[in-house]
Amino acid sequence: MRIRNIDFARAMAGMEITSLVRLAGQNAPPTDEQKARHTIAKRANDALKGSRARAYAPRLNAFSDREDLIGWMVCNDGNGCFTDDDMVSEGWDPMTLEDAWSLLQTILEEV
């Protein structure tokens, strides 16, 4: 069953944003935020091409949740401070979904 979920996530990662929005049950065109997240997710997936981390990192899409975003960041930089436990131990609040998208965008701009 888990393999099917992974295959589904990988298939979703390669879909265009309009198809993802329809899959999510929305008949409206994608919002600017969804388009931006799609672009960030595509860049994140492409950034790991040829990397060993790609086998372990979640495939991202515009509707990826906080845990997948954090999982991607951990796979990309194992020494970073991304998990809730790491954040709390450093005296910070855990990342929100919006914080995770923003940090992922910043990470990708530095690559």
Protein backbone atom coordinates (compact mmCIF):
# COMPACT_ATOMS: atom_id res chain seq x y z
CA MET A 1 0.00 0.00 0.00
CA ARG A 2 2.82 2.42 0.83
CA ILE A 3 4.38 1.86 -2.60
CA ARG A 4 1.16 2.97 -4.25
CA ASN A 5 1.20 6.17 -2.19
CA ILE A 6 4.80 6.85 -3.23
CA ASP A 7 3.97 6.20 -6.89
CA PHE A 8 0.96 8.49 -6.62
CA ALA A 9 3.06 11.24 -5.03
CA ARG A 10 5.68 10.91 -7.78
CA ALA A 11 2.99 11.07 -10.45
CA MET A 12 1.53 14.19 -8.83
CA ALA A 13 4.96 15.83 -8.68
CA GLY A 14 5.22 15.65 -12.46
CA MET A 15 1.73 17.02 -13.15
CA GLU A 16 1.01 20.50 -14.36
CA ILE A 17 -0.60 22.84 -11.84
CA THR A 18 -3.96 22.95 -13.65
CA SER A 19 -4.23 19.17 -13.47
CA LEU A 20 -3.30 19.19 -9.79
CA VAL A 21 -5.99 21.76 -9.02
CA ARG A 22 -8.59 19.63 -10.80
CA LEU A 23 -7.36 16.56 -8.94
CA ALA A 24 -7.79 18.44 -5.66
CA GLY A 25 -11.46 18.92 -6.54
CA GLN A 26 -11.31 22.58 -7.40
CA ASN A 27 -12.94 23.70 -10.64
CA ALA A 28 -11.49 27.19 -10.43
CA PRO A 29 -8.23 28.06 -12.16
CA PRO A 30 -5.11 27.79 -9.98
CA THR A 31 -4.46 30.71 -7.67
CA ASP A 32 -1.26 32.74 -7.83
CA GLU A 33 -0.15 31.05 -4.60
CA GLN A 34 -0.72 27.59 -6.10
CA LYS A 35 1.21 28.56 -9.22
CA ALA A 36 4.09 29.90 -7.11
CA ARG A 37 4.16 26.75 -4.96
CA HIS A 38 4.11 24.59 -8.09
CA THR A 39 7.15 26.44 -9.42
CA ILE A 40 8.99 26.10 -6.11
CA ALA A 41 8.14 22.38 -5.89
CA LYS A 42 9.34 21.76 -9.45
CA ARG A 43 12.61 23.58 -8.74
CA ALA A 44 13.06 21.57 -5.54
CA ASN A 45 12.50 18.26 -7.32
CA ASP A 46 14.87 19.29 -10.12
CA ALA A 47 17.52 20.44 -7.62
CA LEU A 48 17.98 16.89 -6.36
CA LYS A 49 18.51 15.31 -9.79
CA GLY A 50 21.64 13.21 -9.71
CA SER A 51 21.78 13.36 -5.92
CA ARG A 52 21.61 10.37 -3.59
CA ALA A 53 19.13 12.35 -1.51
CA ARG A 54 16.60 12.15 -4.35
CA ALA A 55 15.85 8.52 -3.48
CA TYR A 56 14.82 9.54 0.04
CA ALA A 57 13.39 13.03 -0.42
CA PRO A 58 9.64 13.41 -0.84
CA ARG A 59 8.55 14.48 -4.31
CA LEU A 60 6.92 17.88 -3.88
CA ASN A 61 3.95 19.50 -5.60
CA ALA A 62 1.81 22.59 -5.06
CA PHE A 63 -0.25 20.76 -2.43
CA SER A 64 2.62 19.23 -0.44
CA ASP A 65 2.13 19.35 3.29
CA ARG A 66 4.47 20.74 5.94
CA GLU A 67 5.96 17.32 6.73
CA ASP A 68 6.91 16.70 3.09
CA LEU A 69 8.52 20.12 2.80
CA ILE A 70 10.49 19.57 6.00
CA GLY A 71 11.41 16.07 4.84
CA TRP A 72 12.77 17.48 1.58
CA MET A 73 14.86 20.05 3.47
CA VAL A 74 16.25 17.39 5.81
CA CYS A 75 17.24 15.21 2.83
CA ASN A 76 18.84 18.18 1.13
CA ASP A 77 20.78 19.33 4.22
CA GLY A 78 21.02 16.77 7.01
CA ASN A 79 22.85 19.26 9.24
CA GLY A 80 20.11 21.88 9.00
CA CYS A 81 17.60 22.80 11.68
CA PHE A 82 14.25 21.92 10.14
CA THR A 83 12.35 19.37 12.24
CA ASP A 84 10.06 20.42 15.07
CA ASP A 85 12.44 18.91 17.64
CA ASP A 86 15.43 20.74 16.16
CA MET A 87 13.56 24.03 16.03
CA VAL A 88 12.37 23.77 19.65
CA SER A 89 15.83 22.76 20.88
CA GLU A 90 17.20 25.93 19.25
CA GLY A 91 14.54 28.05 20.97
CA TRP A 92 12.37 28.61 17.88
CA ASP A 93 8.76 27.76 17.20
CA PRO A 94 8.15 24.88 14.76
CA MET A 95 7.69 25.95 11.15
CA THR A 96 4.22 26.56 9.80
CA LEU A 97 3.31 25.46 6.29
CA GLU A 98 3.85 29.02 5.05
CA ASP A 99 7.22 29.21 6.83
CA ALA A 100 8.27 25.94 5.20
CA TRP A 101 7.35 27.14 1.69
CA SER A 102 9.18 30.43 2.31
CA LEU A 103 12.30 28.69 3.63
CA LEU A 104 12.29 26.22 0.74
CA GLN A 105 12.16 29.12 -1.71
CA THR A 106 15.10 30.78 0.08
CA ILE A 107 17.10 27.53 0.01
CA LEU A 108 16.50 27.17 -3.72
CA GLU A 109 17.56 30.74 -4.40
CA GLU A 110 20.92 29.98 -2.74
CA VAL A 111 21.53 26.88 -4.89
